């Protein structure tokens, strides 16, 4: 256990790649560099100081195109929070920052595998997500 939490388990809860037809696939292949990676983190308290954290990555086209593909993964992490953690802001930092930094390499690899296996082998995520910075922007 790190000082504040222990990851008890992590798994892919849901994974989706949707491309409706060959025309859409060919269009997206040329246009996928315009797609954006979005992240959403939710959590749910469980019994015995445990928390389920769901980290959702979506890779999507923000423009109004009729031809688009949809890629999404929901990665669940179950953590036990140390009994000493009482402050809400400490818990938020664990959920939104500390756990994310620990699980993100696995999550990113799984998501890139999905994209590559969906016919887009050249996709890479150049920018790494800075969870510390996102956390600080949200709460400071």
N, C-alpha and C. Protein backbone atom coordinates (compact mmCIF):
# COMPACT_ATOMS: atom_id res chain seq x y z
N UNK A 1 0.86 -1.19 0.00
CA UNK A 1 0.00 0.00 0.00
C UNK A 1 0.89 1.23 0.00
N UNK A 2 0.59 2.20 -0.90
CA UNK A 2 1.29 3.47 -0.76
C UNK A 2 0.78 4.02 0.57
N UNK A 3 1.24 5.14 0.97
CA UNK A 3 0.79 5.66 2.26
C UNK A 3 -0.72 5.87 2.30
N UNK A 4 -1.30 6.29 1.19
CA UNK A 4 -2.69 6.74 1.22
C UNK A 4 -3.71 5.78 0.63
N UNK A 5 -3.28 4.88 -0.23
CA UNK A 5 -4.24 3.99 -0.88
C UNK A 5 -3.55 2.75 -1.41
N UNK A 6 -4.37 1.74 -1.72
CA UNK A 6 -3.85 0.53 -2.35
C UNK A 6 -4.79 0.14 -3.48
N UNK A 7 -4.23 -0.13 -4.66
CA UNK A 7 -5.05 -0.59 -5.78
C UNK A 7 -5.31 -2.08 -5.57
N UNK A 8 -6.59 -2.44 -5.45
CA UNK A 8 -6.98 -3.83 -5.23
C UNK A 8 -7.22 -4.56 -6.55
N UNK A 9 -7.62 -3.80 -7.56
CA UNK A 9 -7.88 -4.41 -8.86
C UNK A 9 -8.11 -3.35 -9.91
N UNK A 10 -7.84 -3.71 -11.17
CA UNK A 10 -8.10 -2.79 -12.28
C UNK A 10 -8.44 -3.63 -13.49
N UNK A 11 -9.42 -3.13 -14.26
CA UNK A 11 -9.88 -3.91 -15.41
C UNK A 11 -10.59 -3.00 -16.41
N UNK A 12 -10.71 -3.49 -17.64
CA UNK A 12 -11.46 -2.77 -18.66
C UNK A 12 -12.93 -3.11 -18.44
N UNK A 13 -13.71 -2.09 -18.12
CA UNK A 13 -15.13 -2.27 -17.84
C UNK A 13 -15.94 -2.26 -19.14
N UNK A 14 -15.52 -1.41 -20.07
CA UNK A 14 -16.21 -1.32 -21.35
C UNK A 14 -15.23 -0.77 -22.38
N UNK A 15 -15.37 -1.26 -23.60
CA UNK A 15 -14.48 -0.82 -24.67
C UNK A 15 -15.31 -0.79 -25.94
N UNK A 16 -15.17 0.28 -26.72
CA UNK A 16 -16.02 0.40 -27.90
C UNK A 16 -15.26 1.05 -29.05
N UNK A 17 -15.44 0.47 -30.23
CA UNK A 17 -14.93 1.04 -31.47
C UNK A 17 -16.05 0.91 -32.48
N UNK A 18 -16.55 2.06 -32.95
CA UNK A 18 -17.68 2.02 -33.87
C UNK A 18 -17.35 2.80 -35.15
N UNK A 19 -17.39 2.09 -36.25
CA UNK A 19 -17.24 2.69 -37.58
C UNK A 19 -18.34 2.05 -38.43
N UNK A 20 -19.26 2.85 -38.93
CA UNK A 20 -20.48 2.30 -39.52
C UNK A 20 -20.30 1.59 -40.86
N UNK A 21 -19.37 2.08 -41.70
CA UNK A 21 -19.23 1.45 -43.02
C UNK A 21 -17.86 1.80 -43.62
N UNK A 22 -17.58 1.24 -44.78
CA UNK A 22 -16.26 1.42 -45.40
C UNK A 22 -16.01 2.87 -45.80
N UNK A 23 -17.05 3.58 -46.24
CA UNK A 23 -16.87 5.00 -46.59
C UNK A 23 -16.44 5.81 -45.37
N UNK A 24 -17.09 5.52 -44.24
CA UNK A 24 -16.73 6.21 -43.00
C UNK A 24 -15.29 5.87 -42.61
N UNK A 25 -14.93 4.58 -42.71
CA UNK A 25 -13.57 4.16 -42.37
C UNK A 25 -12.54 4.92 -43.21
N UNK A 26 -12.76 5.00 -44.51
CA UNK A 26 -11.81 5.69 -45.40
C UNK A 26 -11.75 7.18 -45.09
N UNK A 27 -12.91 7.79 -44.80
CA UNK A 27 -12.96 9.21 -44.45
C UNK A 27 -12.19 9.45 -43.14
N UNK A 28 -12.46 8.63 -42.14
CA UNK A 28 -11.83 8.80 -40.84
C UNK A 28 -10.32 8.57 -40.93
N UNK A 29 -9.90 7.62 -41.76
CA UNK A 29 -8.47 7.34 -41.92
C UNK A 29 -7.72 8.62 -42.35
N UNK A 30 -8.33 9.42 -43.21
CA UNK A 30 -7.71 10.68 -43.66
C UNK A 30 -7.86 11.79 -42.63
N UNK A 31 -8.88 11.69 -41.79
CA UNK A 31 -9.26 12.81 -40.94
C UNK A 31 -8.94 12.60 -39.46
N UNK A 32 -8.44 11.41 -39.10
CA UNK A 32 -8.32 11.05 -37.69
C UNK A 32 -7.33 11.93 -36.93
N UNK A 33 -6.42 12.59 -37.64
CA UNK A 33 -5.48 13.48 -36.95
C UNK A 33 -6.21 14.66 -36.29
N UNK A 34 -7.45 14.92 -36.70
CA UNK A 34 -8.24 16.01 -36.10
C UNK A 34 -9.00 15.55 -34.84
N UNK A 35 -9.01 14.25 -34.60
CA UNK A 35 -9.73 13.72 -33.43
C UNK A 35 -9.04 14.18 -32.15
N UNK A 36 -9.84 14.30 -31.09
CA UNK A 36 -9.31 14.76 -29.81
C UNK A 36 -9.53 13.69 -28.75
N UNK A 37 -8.56 13.61 -27.85
CA UNK A 37 -8.66 12.69 -26.72
C UNK A 37 -9.27 13.43 -25.55
N UNK A 38 -10.33 12.86 -24.99
CA UNK A 38 -10.99 13.45 -23.83
C UNK A 38 -10.98 12.43 -22.70
N UNK A 39 -10.87 12.96 -21.49
CA UNK A 39 -10.83 12.09 -20.32
C UNK A 39 -11.89 12.53 -19.33
N UNK A 40 -12.52 11.55 -18.70
CA UNK A 40 -13.51 11.82 -17.67
C UNK A 40 -13.27 10.83 -16.54
N UNK A 41 -13.30 11.31 -15.31
CA UNK A 41 -13.05 10.46 -14.16
C UNK A 41 -14.23 10.57 -13.21
N UNK A 42 -14.82 9.42 -12.88
CA UNK A 42 -15.89 9.39 -11.89
C UNK A 42 -15.51 8.38 -10.81
N UNK A 43 -16.14 8.53 -9.65
CA UNK A 43 -15.85 7.58 -8.57
C UNK A 43 -17.11 7.30 -7.78
N UNK A 44 -17.09 6.14 -7.15
CA UNK A 44 -18.24 5.71 -6.36
C UNK A 44 -17.71 5.04 -5.10
N UNK A 45 -18.20 5.48 -3.95
CA UNK A 45 -17.78 4.88 -2.69
C UNK A 45 -18.36 3.47 -2.57
N UNK A 46 -17.53 2.56 -2.09
CA UNK A 46 -17.96 1.20 -1.81
C UNK A 46 -17.81 0.98 -0.29
N UNK A 47 -18.06 -0.22 0.17
CA UNK A 47 -17.90 -0.52 1.60
C UNK A 47 -16.43 -0.59 1.99
N UNK A 48 -16.18 -0.50 3.27
CA UNK A 48 -14.85 -0.74 3.85
C UNK A 48 -13.75 0.15 3.27
N UNK A 49 -14.04 1.44 3.16
CA UNK A 49 -13.05 2.43 2.68
C UNK A 49 -12.55 2.12 1.27
N UNK A 50 -13.39 1.46 0.47
CA UNK A 50 -13.02 1.18 -0.91
C UNK A 50 -13.76 2.13 -1.84
N UNK A 51 -13.12 2.42 -2.98
CA UNK A 51 -13.69 3.32 -3.97
C UNK A 51 -13.51 2.68 -5.34
N UNK A 52 -14.57 2.75 -6.15
CA UNK A 52 -14.47 2.36 -7.56
C UNK A 52 -14.25 3.63 -8.36
N UNK A 53 -13.16 3.66 -9.12
CA UNK A 53 -12.84 4.81 -9.96
C UNK A 53 -12.97 4.38 -11.41
N UNK A 54 -13.79 5.10 -12.17
CA UNK A 54 -13.96 4.82 -13.59
C UNK A 54 -13.32 5.95 -14.39
N UNK A 55 -12.30 5.60 -15.16
CA UNK A 55 -11.61 6.56 -16.01
C UNK A 55 -12.03 6.27 -17.44
N UNK A 56 -12.68 7.25 -18.07
CA UNK A 56 -13.18 7.09 -19.44
C UNK A 56 -12.33 7.91 -20.39
N UNK A 57 -11.82 7.25 -21.42
CA UNK A 57 -11.13 7.95 -22.51
C UNK A 57 -12.01 7.86 -23.74
N UNK A 58 -12.20 9.00 -24.39
CA UNK A 58 -12.91 9.04 -25.68
C UNK A 58 -12.00 9.70 -26.69
N UNK A 59 -11.95 9.12 -27.86
CA UNK A 59 -11.19 9.70 -28.96
C UNK A 59 -12.23 10.01 -30.01
N UNK A 60 -12.49 11.33 -30.21
CA UNK A 60 -13.64 11.67 -31.03
C UNK A 60 -13.43 12.92 -31.85
N UNK A 61 -14.28 13.01 -32.85
CA UNK A 61 -14.30 14.15 -33.76
C UNK A 61 -15.28 15.16 -33.20
N UNK A 62 -14.79 16.37 -32.91
CA UNK A 62 -15.65 17.42 -32.36
C UNK A 62 -16.41 18.18 -33.45
N UNK A 63 -16.01 17.99 -34.71
CA UNK A 63 -16.67 18.69 -35.81
C UNK A 63 -17.98 18.00 -36.19
N UNK A 64 -18.80 18.73 -36.89
CA UNK A 64 -20.09 18.19 -37.35
C UNK A 64 -19.91 17.45 -38.67
N UNK A 65 -19.38 16.27 -38.61
CA UNK A 65 -19.23 15.43 -39.80
C UNK A 65 -20.27 14.32 -39.73
N UNK A 66 -20.82 13.97 -40.87
CA UNK A 66 -21.75 12.84 -40.87
C UNK A 66 -20.98 11.53 -40.79
N UNK A 67 -19.75 11.55 -41.25
CA UNK A 67 -18.92 10.34 -41.21
C UNK A 67 -17.93 10.46 -40.07
N UNK A 68 -18.16 9.69 -39.03
CA UNK A 68 -17.22 9.69 -37.91
C UNK A 68 -17.22 8.35 -37.23
N UNK A 69 -16.10 8.05 -36.63
CA UNK A 69 -15.96 6.84 -35.82
C UNK A 69 -15.98 7.25 -34.35
N UNK A 70 -16.29 6.28 -33.52
CA UNK A 70 -16.36 6.53 -32.08
C UNK A 70 -15.47 5.50 -31.39
N UNK A 71 -14.59 5.98 -30.52
CA UNK A 71 -13.68 5.11 -29.77
C UNK A 71 -13.77 5.49 -28.30
N UNK A 72 -13.99 4.49 -27.47
CA UNK A 72 -14.14 4.79 -26.04
C UNK A 72 -13.70 3.59 -25.22
N UNK A 73 -13.10 3.88 -24.07
CA UNK A 73 -12.75 2.84 -23.12
C UNK A 73 -13.09 3.34 -21.72
N UNK A 74 -13.66 2.46 -20.92
CA UNK A 74 -13.89 2.76 -19.50
C UNK A 74 -13.04 1.78 -18.71
N UNK A 75 -12.12 2.33 -17.94
CA UNK A 75 -11.16 1.55 -17.17
C UNK A 75 -11.51 1.70 -15.70
N UNK A 76 -11.83 0.60 -15.04
CA UNK A 76 -12.23 0.63 -13.63
C UNK A 76 -11.04 0.27 -12.75
N UNK A 77 -10.92 1.00 -11.66
CA UNK A 77 -9.89 0.73 -10.66
C UNK A 77 -10.55 0.70 -9.29
N UNK A 78 -10.29 -0.36 -8.55
CA UNK A 78 -10.81 -0.46 -7.18
C UNK A 78 -9.65 -0.18 -6.24
N UNK A 79 -9.85 0.80 -5.35
CA UNK A 79 -8.80 1.16 -4.40
C UNK A 79 -9.35 1.13 -2.97
N UNK A 80 -8.46 0.79 -2.04
CA UNK A 80 -8.79 0.92 -0.63
C UNK A 80 -8.06 2.15 -0.12
N UNK A 81 -8.81 3.01 0.53
CA UNK A 81 -8.25 4.26 1.04
C UNK A 81 -7.77 4.04 2.47
N UNK A 82 -6.60 4.54 2.78
CA UNK A 82 -6.04 4.45 4.13
C UNK A 82 -6.99 5.12 5.13
N UNK A 83 -7.14 4.50 6.30
CA UNK A 83 -8.04 5.04 7.34
C UNK A 83 -7.66 6.45 7.78
N UNK A 84 -6.39 6.81 7.61
CA UNK A 84 -5.95 8.14 8.05
C UNK A 84 -6.47 9.25 7.13
N UNK A 85 -6.93 8.90 5.92
CA UNK A 85 -7.41 9.93 4.99
C UNK A 85 -8.82 10.33 5.40
N UNK A 86 -8.96 11.56 5.87
CA UNK A 86 -10.27 12.06 6.32
C UNK A 86 -10.73 13.26 5.49
N UNK A 87 -9.78 14.03 4.97
CA UNK A 87 -10.11 15.25 4.25
C UNK A 87 -10.60 14.95 2.84
N UNK A 88 -11.65 15.63 2.42
CA UNK A 88 -12.20 15.44 1.09
C UNK A 88 -11.17 15.78 0.01
N UNK A 89 -10.41 16.86 0.21
CA UNK A 89 -9.43 17.26 -0.81
C UNK A 89 -8.32 16.21 -0.96
N UNK A 90 -7.95 15.53 0.12
CA UNK A 90 -6.96 14.46 0.03
C UNK A 90 -7.50 13.29 -0.78
N UNK A 91 -8.76 12.97 -0.55
CA UNK A 91 -9.41 11.88 -1.29
C UNK A 91 -9.52 12.25 -2.77
N UNK A 92 -9.87 13.49 -3.06
CA UNK A 92 -9.98 13.94 -4.46
C UNK A 92 -8.63 13.84 -5.16
N UNK A 93 -7.56 14.20 -4.47
CA UNK A 93 -6.23 14.13 -5.09
C UNK A 93 -5.85 12.68 -5.38
N UNK A 94 -6.18 11.78 -4.47
CA UNK A 94 -5.91 10.36 -4.70
C UNK A 94 -6.65 9.88 -5.95
N UNK A 95 -7.95 10.19 -6.03
CA UNK A 95 -8.79 9.69 -7.13
C UNK A 95 -8.42 10.33 -8.46
N UNK A 96 -8.25 11.64 -8.46
CA UNK A 96 -8.08 12.38 -9.72
C UNK A 96 -6.62 12.47 -10.19
N UNK A 97 -5.70 12.21 -9.30
CA UNK A 97 -4.30 12.45 -9.65
C UNK A 97 -3.43 11.21 -9.40
N UNK A 98 -3.32 10.81 -8.14
CA UNK A 98 -2.36 9.75 -7.78
C UNK A 98 -2.68 8.42 -8.46
N UNK A 99 -3.93 7.97 -8.35
CA UNK A 99 -4.31 6.70 -8.97
C UNK A 99 -4.19 6.80 -10.49
N UNK A 100 -4.59 7.93 -11.05
CA UNK A 100 -4.53 8.10 -12.51
C UNK A 100 -3.11 7.96 -13.04
N UNK A 101 -2.16 8.59 -12.33
CA UNK A 101 -0.76 8.50 -12.78
C UNK A 101 -0.29 7.05 -12.76
N UNK A 102 -0.78 6.28 -11.81
CA UNK A 102 -0.35 4.89 -11.67
C UNK A 102 -0.98 3.98 -12.74
N UNK A 103 -2.26 4.22 -13.05
CA UNK A 103 -2.94 3.31 -13.99
C UNK A 103 -2.81 3.75 -15.45
N UNK A 104 -2.48 5.01 -15.69
CA UNK A 104 -2.55 5.53 -17.05
C UNK A 104 -1.72 4.76 -18.09
N UNK A 105 -0.51 4.32 -17.76
CA UNK A 105 0.24 3.55 -18.79
C UNK A 105 -0.54 2.33 -19.30
N UNK A 106 -1.18 1.59 -18.40
CA UNK A 106 -1.99 0.42 -18.81
C UNK A 106 -3.21 0.86 -19.62
N UNK A 107 -3.86 1.91 -19.15
CA UNK A 107 -5.05 2.41 -19.83
C UNK A 107 -4.71 2.90 -21.24
N UNK A 108 -3.64 3.67 -21.37
CA UNK A 108 -3.24 4.19 -22.67
C UNK A 108 -2.87 3.05 -23.63
N UNK A 109 -2.15 2.05 -23.14
CA UNK A 109 -1.76 0.92 -23.98
C UNK A 109 -3.00 0.18 -24.48
N UNK A 110 -3.94 -0.08 -23.59
CA UNK A 110 -5.18 -0.78 -23.98
C UNK A 110 -5.95 0.03 -25.02
N UNK A 111 -6.02 1.34 -24.83
CA UNK A 111 -6.78 2.19 -25.75
C UNK A 111 -6.09 2.27 -27.12
N UNK A 112 -4.77 2.40 -27.10
CA UNK A 112 -4.03 2.42 -28.37
C UNK A 112 -4.16 1.08 -29.10
N UNK A 113 -4.15 -0.02 -28.35
CA UNK A 113 -4.36 -1.34 -28.96
C UNK A 113 -5.73 -1.38 -29.65
N UNK A 114 -6.75 -0.84 -29.00
CA UNK A 114 -8.10 -0.79 -29.59
C UNK A 114 -8.07 -0.01 -30.90
N UNK A 115 -7.45 1.17 -30.88
CA UNK A 115 -7.39 2.00 -32.09
C UNK A 115 -6.60 1.30 -33.20
N UNK A 116 -5.47 0.72 -32.84
CA UNK A 116 -4.64 0.03 -33.84
C UNK A 116 -5.39 -1.16 -34.43
N UNK A 117 -6.07 -1.93 -33.58
CA UNK A 117 -6.82 -3.10 -34.04
C UNK A 117 -8.09 -2.71 -34.79
N UNK A 118 -8.49 -1.45 -34.69
CA UNK A 118 -9.67 -0.95 -35.41
C UNK A 118 -9.29 -0.43 -36.79
N UNK A 119 -8.01 -0.57 -37.15
CA UNK A 119 -7.59 -0.18 -38.50
C UNK A 119 -6.83 1.12 -38.58
N UNK A 120 -6.40 1.65 -37.43
CA UNK A 120 -5.68 2.92 -37.41
C UNK A 120 -4.33 2.72 -36.72
N UNK A 121 -3.41 1.94 -37.36
CA UNK A 121 -2.15 1.57 -36.68
C UNK A 121 -1.20 2.73 -36.46
N UNK A 122 -1.42 3.84 -37.17
CA UNK A 122 -0.46 4.96 -37.04
C UNK A 122 -0.78 5.89 -35.88
N UNK A 123 -1.86 5.67 -35.16
CA UNK A 123 -2.27 6.57 -34.08
C UNK A 123 -1.30 6.47 -32.90
N UNK A 124 -0.88 7.66 -32.44
CA UNK A 124 -0.09 7.78 -31.22
C UNK A 124 -0.66 8.98 -30.46
N UNK A 125 -0.51 8.97 -29.15
CA UNK A 125 -0.88 10.14 -28.35
C UNK A 125 0.42 10.85 -27.99
N UNK A 126 0.68 11.95 -28.69
CA UNK A 126 1.95 12.66 -28.50
C UNK A 126 2.04 13.29 -27.11
N UNK A 127 0.95 13.95 -26.71
CA UNK A 127 0.97 14.63 -25.42
C UNK A 127 0.56 13.65 -24.34
N UNK A 128 1.33 13.63 -23.28
CA UNK A 128 0.96 12.82 -22.12
C UNK A 128 0.04 13.66 -21.24
N UNK A 129 -0.91 13.01 -20.60
CA UNK A 129 -1.83 13.72 -19.73
C UNK A 129 -1.11 14.04 -18.42
N UNK A 130 -1.13 15.31 -18.04
CA UNK A 130 -0.51 15.75 -16.80
C UNK A 130 -1.60 15.85 -15.73
N UNK A 131 -1.78 14.76 -14.98
CA UNK A 131 -2.87 14.69 -14.00
C UNK A 131 -2.67 15.68 -12.87
N UNK A 132 -1.42 15.93 -12.51
CA UNK A 132 -1.12 16.91 -11.46
C UNK A 132 -1.62 18.29 -11.89
N UNK A 133 -1.31 18.66 -13.13
CA UNK A 133 -1.71 19.97 -13.66
C UNK A 133 -3.23 20.07 -13.76
N UNK A 134 -3.88 19.01 -14.28
CA UNK A 134 -5.35 19.03 -14.38
C UNK A 134 -5.99 19.18 -13.00
N UNK A 135 -5.46 18.46 -12.04
CA UNK A 135 -5.98 18.54 -10.68
C UNK A 135 -5.83 19.95 -10.13
N UNK A 136 -4.64 20.53 -10.31
CA UNK A 136 -4.38 21.87 -9.79
C UNK A 136 -5.25 22.92 -10.48
N UNK A 137 -5.49 22.77 -11.79
CA UNK A 137 -6.35 23.71 -12.49
C UNK A 137 -7.77 23.64 -11.96
N UNK A 138 -8.20 22.44 -11.61
CA UNK A 138 -9.57 22.26 -11.18
C UNK A 138 -9.80 22.80 -9.77
N UNK A 139 -8.81 22.66 -8.89
CA UNK A 139 -9.04 22.97 -7.49
C UNK A 139 -8.29 24.19 -6.97
N UNK A 140 -7.54 24.88 -7.82
CA UNK A 140 -6.82 26.06 -7.35
C UNK A 140 -7.25 27.31 -8.08
